[in-house]
């Protein structure tokens, strides 16, 4: 089994559907890979065209039996009482991981991905880049030692 790290660069979104009746939406993104979830900062007052320019780190074990290598981006609107679901985007990264395991590193340049609502209707786009870096066992032990601090810096938390 190969082990590596996937860096997700959340850049910005454009043309999101405003779920607020009054005022600007305050969007943030929940980023999920397998059982790991991280949350971006809230783009307060940035409305339908937020900019985050944030990076998130995910641990990757490869291969996995179910071959479901995808990153899910759930765009949310922070509100006073309950946050609203704006839409989501999914990036399948299986080919990226295959290439990274073979070459030691692989990169998806920052691209625009469609954001869709639950009914699959278009509601904007999100710009994201992804880099996967394979870790050899010695590097993995050292990187694993630093992962808690790296994760703390970027807001990593493991879901149940």
N, C-alpha and C. Protein backbone atom coordinates (compact mmCIF):
# COMPACT_ATOMS: atom_id res chain seq x y z
N UNK A 1 0.85 -1.19 0.00
CA UNK A 1 0.00 0.00 0.00
C UNK A 1 0.88 1.24 0.00
N UNK A 2 0.56 2.16 -0.87
CA UNK A 2 1.29 3.43 -0.95
C UNK A 2 0.59 4.46 -0.08
N UNK A 3 1.38 5.36 0.46
CA UNK A 3 0.83 6.42 1.30
C UNK A 3 1.36 7.75 0.77
N UNK A 4 0.48 8.73 0.76
CA UNK A 4 0.89 10.04 0.29
C UNK A 4 0.01 11.12 0.87
N UNK A 5 0.22 12.32 0.38
CA UNK A 5 -0.55 13.46 0.84
C UNK A 5 -1.09 14.22 -0.36
N UNK A 6 -2.32 14.63 -0.24
CA UNK A 6 -2.98 15.39 -1.28
C UNK A 6 -3.22 16.80 -0.76
N UNK A 7 -2.68 17.76 -1.50
CA UNK A 7 -2.89 19.16 -1.15
C UNK A 7 -3.98 19.71 -2.07
N UNK A 8 -5.01 20.26 -1.47
CA UNK A 8 -6.12 20.84 -2.21
C UNK A 8 -6.03 22.36 -2.07
N UNK A 9 -5.97 23.04 -3.21
CA UNK A 9 -5.89 24.50 -3.21
C UNK A 9 -7.26 25.04 -3.63
N UNK A 10 -8.00 25.55 -2.66
CA UNK A 10 -9.31 26.16 -2.89
C UNK A 10 -9.06 27.63 -3.20
N UNK A 11 -9.32 28.03 -4.43
CA UNK A 11 -8.98 29.39 -4.85
C UNK A 11 -10.18 30.33 -4.69
N UNK A 12 -11.23 30.08 -5.45
CA UNK A 12 -12.38 31.00 -5.42
C UNK A 12 -13.59 30.32 -6.03
N UNK A 13 -14.72 31.02 -5.96
CA UNK A 13 -15.95 30.59 -6.62
C UNK A 13 -16.51 31.79 -7.37
N UNK A 14 -17.37 31.50 -8.33
CA UNK A 14 -17.93 32.57 -9.14
C UNK A 14 -19.38 32.24 -9.50
N UNK A 15 -20.23 33.25 -9.37
CA UNK A 15 -21.62 33.10 -9.80
C UNK A 15 -22.45 32.14 -8.97
N UNK A 16 -22.14 32.03 -7.68
CA UNK A 16 -22.92 31.14 -6.82
C UNK A 16 -24.35 31.66 -6.68
N UNK A 17 -25.26 30.74 -6.46
CA UNK A 17 -26.66 31.11 -6.22
C UNK A 17 -26.78 31.69 -4.82
N UNK A 18 -27.29 32.91 -4.69
CA UNK A 18 -27.44 33.56 -3.39
C UNK A 18 -28.69 33.02 -2.70
N UNK A 19 -28.49 32.32 -1.61
CA UNK A 19 -29.62 31.74 -0.88
C UNK A 19 -30.21 32.70 0.14
N UNK A 20 -29.56 33.85 0.35
CA UNK A 20 -30.09 34.84 1.30
C UNK A 20 -31.11 35.73 0.62
N UNK A 21 -32.23 35.95 1.29
CA UNK A 21 -33.26 36.83 0.76
C UNK A 21 -32.82 38.28 0.90
N UNK A 22 -32.21 38.59 2.02
CA UNK A 22 -31.74 39.96 2.27
C UNK A 22 -30.23 39.91 2.48
N UNK A 23 -29.50 40.77 1.78
CA UNK A 23 -28.06 40.89 2.00
C UNK A 23 -27.23 39.90 1.22
N UNK A 24 -25.94 39.96 1.51
CA UNK A 24 -24.96 39.10 0.84
C UNK A 24 -24.83 37.77 1.58
N UNK A 25 -24.55 36.74 0.84
CA UNK A 25 -24.28 35.45 1.47
C UNK A 25 -22.84 35.45 2.00
N UNK A 26 -22.60 34.60 2.98
CA UNK A 26 -21.28 34.44 3.59
C UNK A 26 -20.84 32.99 3.38
N UNK A 27 -20.27 32.68 2.21
CA UNK A 27 -19.99 31.28 1.87
C UNK A 27 -18.71 30.73 2.52
N UNK A 28 -18.77 29.42 2.75
CA UNK A 28 -17.59 28.65 3.14
C UNK A 28 -17.73 27.29 2.47
N UNK A 29 -16.66 26.50 2.51
CA UNK A 29 -16.66 25.21 1.83
C UNK A 29 -16.25 24.10 2.79
N UNK A 30 -17.03 23.02 2.78
CA UNK A 30 -16.66 21.79 3.48
C UNK A 30 -16.01 20.90 2.42
N UNK A 31 -14.77 20.48 2.69
CA UNK A 31 -14.03 19.66 1.74
C UNK A 31 -13.88 18.28 2.35
N UNK A 32 -14.34 17.26 1.60
CA UNK A 32 -14.32 15.89 2.12
C UNK A 32 -13.53 14.98 1.19
N UNK A 33 -12.66 14.18 1.79
CA UNK A 33 -11.98 13.10 1.08
C UNK A 33 -12.03 11.90 2.01
N UNK A 34 -12.70 10.85 1.56
CA UNK A 34 -12.91 9.65 2.39
C UNK A 34 -13.53 10.04 3.73
N UNK A 35 -12.88 9.68 4.85
CA UNK A 35 -13.43 10.00 6.17
C UNK A 35 -12.84 11.28 6.75
N UNK A 36 -12.16 12.06 5.93
CA UNK A 36 -11.54 13.31 6.39
C UNK A 36 -12.36 14.50 5.88
N UNK A 37 -12.56 15.46 6.74
CA UNK A 37 -13.30 16.67 6.35
C UNK A 37 -12.59 17.89 6.91
N UNK A 38 -12.51 18.92 6.07
CA UNK A 38 -11.94 20.19 6.50
C UNK A 38 -12.87 21.31 6.05
N UNK A 39 -12.74 22.43 6.70
CA UNK A 39 -13.62 23.56 6.43
C UNK A 39 -12.79 24.81 6.12
N UNK A 40 -13.20 25.51 5.07
CA UNK A 40 -12.53 26.76 4.73
C UNK A 40 -12.97 27.85 5.69
N UNK A 41 -12.33 28.98 5.57
CA UNK A 41 -12.79 30.15 6.32
C UNK A 41 -14.09 30.64 5.67
N UNK A 42 -14.82 31.47 6.39
CA UNK A 42 -16.05 32.06 5.87
C UNK A 42 -15.67 33.34 5.13
N UNK A 43 -16.12 33.44 3.89
CA UNK A 43 -15.84 34.64 3.07
C UNK A 43 -16.93 35.67 3.37
N UNK A 44 -16.79 36.30 4.52
CA UNK A 44 -17.81 37.23 5.01
C UNK A 44 -17.97 38.41 4.06
N UNK A 45 -19.23 38.61 3.66
CA UNK A 45 -19.57 39.75 2.81
C UNK A 45 -19.09 39.67 1.37
N UNK A 46 -18.55 38.51 0.95
CA UNK A 46 -18.05 38.40 -0.42
C UNK A 46 -19.13 37.92 -1.40
N UNK A 47 -20.27 37.54 -0.88
CA UNK A 47 -21.41 37.21 -1.74
C UNK A 47 -21.18 36.06 -2.69
N UNK A 48 -21.63 36.26 -3.94
CA UNK A 48 -21.65 35.17 -4.92
C UNK A 48 -20.31 34.92 -5.59
N UNK A 49 -19.31 35.75 -5.33
CA UNK A 49 -17.98 35.60 -5.94
C UNK A 49 -16.87 35.59 -4.87
N UNK A 50 -16.90 34.63 -3.95
CA UNK A 50 -15.92 34.62 -2.85
C UNK A 50 -14.53 34.18 -3.30
N UNK A 51 -13.52 34.67 -2.57
CA UNK A 51 -12.13 34.26 -2.78
C UNK A 51 -11.61 33.73 -1.45
N UNK A 52 -11.06 32.52 -1.48
CA UNK A 52 -10.48 31.93 -0.27
C UNK A 52 -8.96 31.85 -0.36
N UNK A 53 -8.46 31.30 -1.45
CA UNK A 53 -7.02 31.08 -1.64
C UNK A 53 -6.42 30.36 -0.43
N UNK A 54 -7.01 29.21 -0.09
CA UNK A 54 -6.56 28.41 1.05
C UNK A 54 -6.14 27.02 0.59
N UNK A 55 -5.20 26.42 1.34
CA UNK A 55 -4.72 25.08 1.03
C UNK A 55 -5.04 24.13 2.18
N UNK A 56 -5.38 22.90 1.82
CA UNK A 56 -5.77 21.87 2.78
C UNK A 56 -5.00 20.60 2.47
N UNK A 57 -4.61 19.87 3.51
CA UNK A 57 -3.83 18.66 3.35
C UNK A 57 -4.66 17.44 3.78
N UNK A 58 -4.65 16.39 2.93
CA UNK A 58 -5.35 15.15 3.23
C UNK A 58 -4.38 13.98 3.11
N UNK A 59 -4.48 13.04 4.03
CA UNK A 59 -3.67 11.82 3.98
C UNK A 59 -4.36 10.85 3.01
N UNK A 60 -3.56 10.20 2.16
CA UNK A 60 -4.10 9.28 1.16
C UNK A 60 -3.43 7.93 1.32
N UNK A 61 -4.24 6.87 1.42
CA UNK A 61 -3.74 5.50 1.38
C UNK A 61 -4.22 4.91 0.06
N UNK A 62 -3.30 4.29 -0.67
CA UNK A 62 -3.61 3.86 -2.02
C UNK A 62 -3.00 2.49 -2.26
N UNK A 63 -3.65 1.56 -2.91
CA UNK A 63 -5.03 1.64 -3.39
C UNK A 63 -6.00 1.26 -2.28
N UNK A 64 -7.23 1.63 -2.47
CA UNK A 64 -8.30 1.22 -1.58
C UNK A 64 -9.23 0.30 -2.34
N UNK A 65 -9.90 -0.56 -1.62
CA UNK A 65 -10.71 -1.59 -2.27
C UNK A 65 -11.89 -1.03 -3.06
N UNK A 66 -12.47 0.08 -2.60
CA UNK A 66 -13.68 0.56 -3.28
C UNK A 66 -13.39 1.51 -4.44
N UNK A 67 -12.14 1.93 -4.62
CA UNK A 67 -11.72 2.77 -5.73
C UNK A 67 -12.52 4.07 -5.84
N UNK A 68 -13.06 4.57 -4.77
CA UNK A 68 -13.80 5.82 -4.78
C UNK A 68 -12.89 6.96 -4.36
N UNK A 69 -12.08 7.40 -5.28
CA UNK A 69 -11.16 8.48 -5.00
C UNK A 69 -11.76 9.78 -5.51
N UNK A 70 -12.47 10.46 -4.64
CA UNK A 70 -13.09 11.72 -5.05
C UNK A 70 -13.04 12.71 -3.90
N UNK A 71 -13.00 13.99 -4.28
CA UNK A 71 -13.04 15.07 -3.31
C UNK A 71 -14.39 15.75 -3.51
N UNK A 72 -15.10 15.94 -2.42
CA UNK A 72 -16.42 16.58 -2.47
C UNK A 72 -16.30 17.96 -1.84
N UNK A 73 -16.77 18.95 -2.56
CA UNK A 73 -16.78 20.34 -2.09
C UNK A 73 -18.23 20.74 -1.88
N UNK A 74 -18.61 20.95 -0.64
CA UNK A 74 -19.97 21.41 -0.33
C UNK A 74 -19.90 22.88 0.02
N UNK A 75 -20.53 23.70 -0.81
CA UNK A 75 -20.53 25.14 -0.57
C UNK A 75 -21.72 25.46 0.31
N UNK A 76 -21.45 26.14 1.40
CA UNK A 76 -22.47 26.48 2.38
C UNK A 76 -22.52 28.00 2.55
N UNK A 77 -23.67 28.47 3.02
CA UNK A 77 -23.85 29.89 3.33
C UNK A 77 -24.07 30.00 4.83
N UNK A 78 -23.14 30.65 5.52
CA UNK A 78 -23.26 30.80 6.96
C UNK A 78 -24.35 31.81 7.29
N UNK A 79 -25.29 31.37 8.12
CA UNK A 79 -26.37 32.23 8.57
C UNK A 79 -26.42 32.23 10.09
N UNK A 80 -27.24 33.09 10.64
CA UNK A 80 -27.31 33.25 12.09
C UNK A 80 -27.75 31.97 12.80
N UNK A 81 -28.80 31.33 12.29
CA UNK A 81 -29.34 30.15 13.00
C UNK A 81 -28.94 28.83 12.35
N UNK A 82 -29.17 28.69 11.06
CA UNK A 82 -28.78 27.46 10.37
C UNK A 82 -28.11 27.82 9.05
N UNK A 83 -27.06 27.10 8.73
CA UNK A 83 -26.35 27.35 7.48
C UNK A 83 -27.10 26.69 6.32
N UNK A 84 -27.08 27.36 5.16
CA UNK A 84 -27.80 26.86 3.99
C UNK A 84 -26.83 26.17 3.03
N UNK A 85 -27.29 25.07 2.45
CA UNK A 85 -26.55 24.37 1.40
C UNK A 85 -26.72 25.16 0.10
N UNK A 86 -25.62 25.56 -0.52
CA UNK A 86 -25.66 26.31 -1.77
C UNK A 86 -25.54 25.35 -2.95
N UNK A 87 -24.57 24.46 -2.90
CA UNK A 87 -24.34 23.49 -3.96
C UNK A 87 -23.07 22.71 -3.69
N UNK A 88 -22.76 21.79 -4.61
CA UNK A 88 -21.55 20.99 -4.42
C UNK A 88 -20.88 20.70 -5.75
N UNK A 89 -19.61 20.35 -5.64
CA UNK A 89 -18.82 19.96 -6.80
C UNK A 89 -18.00 18.74 -6.39
N UNK A 90 -17.81 17.83 -7.33
CA UNK A 90 -17.05 16.61 -7.05
C UNK A 90 -15.92 16.49 -8.06
N UNK A 91 -14.73 16.25 -7.54
CA UNK A 91 -13.57 16.01 -8.41
C UNK A 91 -13.12 14.57 -8.19
N UNK A 92 -13.10 13.79 -9.25
CA UNK A 92 -12.60 12.42 -9.19
C UNK A 92 -11.09 12.46 -9.39
N UNK A 93 -10.35 11.91 -8.43
CA UNK A 93 -8.89 12.03 -8.45
C UNK A 93 -8.18 10.68 -8.58
N UNK A 94 -8.90 9.64 -8.99
CA UNK A 94 -8.28 8.32 -9.15
C UNK A 94 -7.11 8.32 -10.12
N UNK A 95 -7.28 8.96 -11.28
CA UNK A 95 -6.20 9.02 -12.27
C UNK A 95 -5.01 9.82 -11.74
N UNK A 96 -5.29 10.89 -11.01
CA UNK A 96 -4.23 11.69 -10.41
C UNK A 96 -3.41 10.84 -9.44
N UNK A 97 -4.09 10.05 -8.61
CA UNK A 97 -3.39 9.21 -7.64
C UNK A 97 -2.59 8.12 -8.36
N UNK A 98 -3.17 7.52 -9.41
CA UNK A 98 -2.42 6.52 -10.19
C UNK A 98 -1.12 7.12 -10.72
N UNK A 99 -1.21 8.30 -11.30
CA UNK A 99 -0.04 8.98 -11.86
C UNK A 99 0.96 9.34 -10.76
N UNK A 100 0.46 9.80 -9.61
CA UNK A 100 1.32 10.16 -8.50
C UNK A 100 2.06 8.98 -7.92
N UNK A 101 1.39 7.84 -7.82
CA UNK A 101 2.04 6.63 -7.31
C UNK A 101 3.13 6.18 -8.28
N UNK A 102 2.86 6.31 -9.57
CA UNK A 102 3.84 5.91 -10.58
C UNK A 102 5.03 6.86 -10.66
N UNK A 103 4.77 8.18 -10.58
CA UNK A 103 5.82 9.18 -10.80
C UNK A 103 6.33 9.87 -9.54
N UNK A 104 5.71 9.62 -8.40
CA UNK A 104 6.13 10.27 -7.15
C UNK A 104 5.34 11.53 -6.85
N UNK A 105 4.80 12.18 -7.89
CA UNK A 105 3.98 13.38 -7.70
C UNK A 105 3.12 13.57 -8.94
N UNK A 106 1.94 14.13 -8.72
CA UNK A 106 1.05 14.47 -9.84
C UNK A 106 0.25 15.70 -9.45
N UNK A 107 -0.10 16.48 -10.46
CA UNK A 107 -0.76 17.75 -10.19
C UNK A 107 -1.92 17.99 -11.16
N UNK A 108 -3.03 18.45 -10.61
CA UNK A 108 -4.13 18.98 -11.41
C UNK A 108 -4.03 20.49 -11.29
N UNK A 109 -3.71 21.16 -12.37
CA UNK A 109 -3.64 22.62 -12.34
C UNK A 109 -4.99 23.18 -11.90
N UNK A 110 -5.00 24.39 -11.42
CA UNK A 110 -6.25 25.01 -11.00
C UNK A 110 -7.20 25.10 -12.19
N UNK A 111 -8.38 24.50 -12.01
CA UNK A 111 -9.41 24.48 -13.04
C UNK A 111 -10.74 24.90 -12.44
N UNK A 112 -11.68 25.24 -13.31
CA UNK A 112 -13.04 25.57 -12.89
C UNK A 112 -13.88 24.30 -12.91
N UNK A 113 -14.65 24.09 -11.85
CA UNK A 113 -15.56 22.94 -11.76
C UNK A 113 -16.97 23.46 -11.51
N UNK A 114 -17.94 22.81 -12.12
CA UNK A 114 -19.34 23.19 -11.95
C UNK A 114 -19.81 22.93 -10.53
N UNK A 115 -20.58 23.85 -10.00
CA UNK A 115 -21.25 23.68 -8.72
C UNK A 115 -22.72 23.43 -9.04
N UNK A 116 -23.28 22.37 -8.48
CA UNK A 116 -24.67 22.03 -8.75
C UNK A 116 -25.45 21.88 -7.45
N UNK A 117 -26.74 22.13 -7.55
CA UNK A 117 -27.64 21.94 -6.41
C UNK A 117 -28.00 20.46 -6.29
N UNK A 118 -28.81 20.13 -5.31
CA UNK A 118 -29.23 18.74 -5.09
C UNK A 118 -29.95 18.18 -6.32
N UNK A 119 -30.68 19.04 -7.04
CA UNK A 119 -31.41 18.58 -8.24
C UNK A 119 -30.53 18.59 -9.49
N UNK A 120 -29.22 18.81 -9.32
CA UNK A 120 -28.20 18.82 -10.38
C UNK A 120 -28.25 20.05 -11.28
N UNK A 121 -29.01 21.08 -10.90
CA UNK A 121 -29.03 22.30 -11.70
C UNK A 121 -27.79 23.14 -11.37
N UNK A 122 -27.29 23.83 -12.38
CA UNK A 122 -26.08 24.64 -12.27
C UNK A 122 -26.31 25.82 -11.34
N UNK A 123 -25.34 26.08 -10.44
CA UNK A 123 -25.47 27.24 -9.55
C UNK A 123 -24.14 27.93 -9.31
N UNK A 124 -23.21 27.85 -10.28
CA UNK A 124 -21.94 28.55 -10.17
C UNK A 124 -20.76 27.65 -10.49
N UNK A 125 -19.57 28.16 -10.20
CA UNK A 125 -18.36 27.38 -10.44
C UNK A 125 -17.36 27.65 -9.33
N UNK A 126 -16.44 26.69 -9.17
CA UNK A 126 -15.43 26.79 -8.13
C UNK A 126 -14.07 26.48 -8.76
N UNK A 127 -13.04 27.24 -8.38
CA UNK A 127 -11.69 27.05 -8.91
C UNK A 127 -10.86 26.31 -7.86
N UNK A 128 -10.31 25.15 -8.28
CA UNK A 128 -9.57 24.27 -7.36
C UNK A 128 -8.37 23.66 -8.08
N UNK A 129 -7.27 23.51 -7.37
CA UNK A 129 -6.10 22.77 -7.85
C UNK A 129 -5.77 21.67 -6.85
N UNK A 130 -5.19 20.57 -7.32
CA UNK A 130 -4.88 19.43 -6.43
C UNK A 130 -3.50 18.89 -6.77
N UNK A 131 -2.69 18.63 -5.74
CA UNK A 131 -1.38 18.01 -5.92
C UNK A 131 -1.29 16.79 -5.01
N UNK A 132 -0.87 15.66 -5.57
CA UNK A 132 -0.65 14.45 -4.78
C UNK A 132 0.85 14.16 -4.77
N UNK A 133 1.39 13.90 -3.56
CA UNK A 133 2.80 13.57 -3.40
C UNK A 133 2.91 12.24 -2.68
N UNK A 134 3.58 11.30 -3.32
CA UNK A 134 3.82 9.98 -2.74
C UNK A 134 4.90 10.09 -1.68
N UNK A 135 4.72 9.37 -0.60
CA UNK A 135 5.72 9.38 0.48
C UNK A 135 6.32 7.99 0.60
N UNK A 136 7.64 7.91 0.56
CA UNK A 136 8.28 6.63 0.84
C UNK A 136 8.23 6.42 2.34
N UNK A 137 8.46 5.21 2.80
CA UNK A 137 8.23 4.90 4.21
C UNK A 137 9.00 5.79 5.18
N UNK A 138 10.28 6.07 4.90
CA UNK A 138 11.05 6.94 5.79
C UNK A 138 10.46 8.34 5.83
N UNK A 139 10.10 8.87 4.65
CA UNK A 139 9.50 10.20 4.58
C UNK A 139 8.15 10.20 5.28
N UNK A 140 7.40 9.09 5.15
CA UNK A 140 6.08 9.02 5.75
C UNK A 140 6.16 9.13 7.27
N UNK A 141 7.12 8.43 7.87
CA UNK A 141 7.25 8.48 9.33
C UNK A 141 7.53 9.92 9.78
N UNK A 142 8.42 10.59 9.04
CA UNK A 142 8.74 11.98 9.40
C UNK A 142 7.54 12.89 9.15
N UNK A 143 6.85 12.73 8.02
CA UNK A 143 5.69 13.58 7.67
C UNK A 143 4.55 13.33 8.66
N UNK A 144 4.36 12.06 9.06
CA UNK A 144 3.30 11.73 10.00
C UNK A 144 3.54 12.41 11.35
N UNK A 145 4.82 12.58 11.70
CA UNK A 145 5.16 13.27 12.93
C UNK A 145 4.69 14.73 12.87
N UNK A 146 4.80 15.36 11.69
CA UNK A 146 4.43 16.76 11.55
C UNK A 146 2.97 16.98 11.17
N UNK A 147 2.25 15.93 10.75
CA UNK A 147 0.87 16.07 10.30
C UNK A 147 -0.04 16.73 11.33
N UNK A 148 0.03 16.38 12.62
CA UNK A 148 -0.85 17.07 13.57
C UNK A 148 -0.67 18.58 13.56
N UNK A 149 0.57 19.07 13.45
CA UNK A 149 0.79 20.52 13.42
C UNK A 149 0.31 21.12 12.10
N UNK A 150 0.61 20.44 10.98
CA UNK A 150 0.14 20.92 9.68
C UNK A 150 -1.38 20.97 9.68
N UNK A 151 -2.00 19.90 10.17
CA UNK A 151 -3.46 19.82 10.20
C UNK A 151 -4.05 20.90 11.09
N UNK A 152 -3.41 21.16 12.21
CA UNK A 152 -3.88 22.20 13.12
C UNK A 152 -3.85 23.56 12.41
N UNK A 153 -2.78 23.79 11.65
CA UNK A 153 -2.64 25.06 10.95
C UNK A 153 -3.71 25.27 9.90
N UNK A 154 -4.18 24.19 9.26
CA UNK A 154 -5.17 24.34 8.19
C UNK A 154 -6.58 23.94 8.64
N UNK A 155 -6.77 23.57 9.87
CA UNK A 155 -8.09 23.27 10.38
C UNK A 155 -8.56 21.85 10.12
N UNK A 156 -7.64 20.89 10.05
CA UNK A 156 -7.97 19.50 9.79
C UNK A 156 -8.77 18.90 10.95
N UNK A 157 -9.79 18.14 10.61
CA UNK A 157 -10.45 17.33 11.62
C UNK A 157 -10.94 16.06 10.95
N UNK A 158 -10.91 14.99 11.68
CA UNK A 158 -11.35 13.70 11.15
C UNK A 158 -12.79 13.49 11.56
N UNK A 159 -13.63 13.11 10.58
CA UNK A 159 -15.03 12.85 10.89
C UNK A 159 -15.18 11.45 11.47
N UNK A 160 -16.30 11.26 12.12
CA UNK A 160 -16.55 9.94 12.73
C UNK A 160 -17.02 8.94 11.70
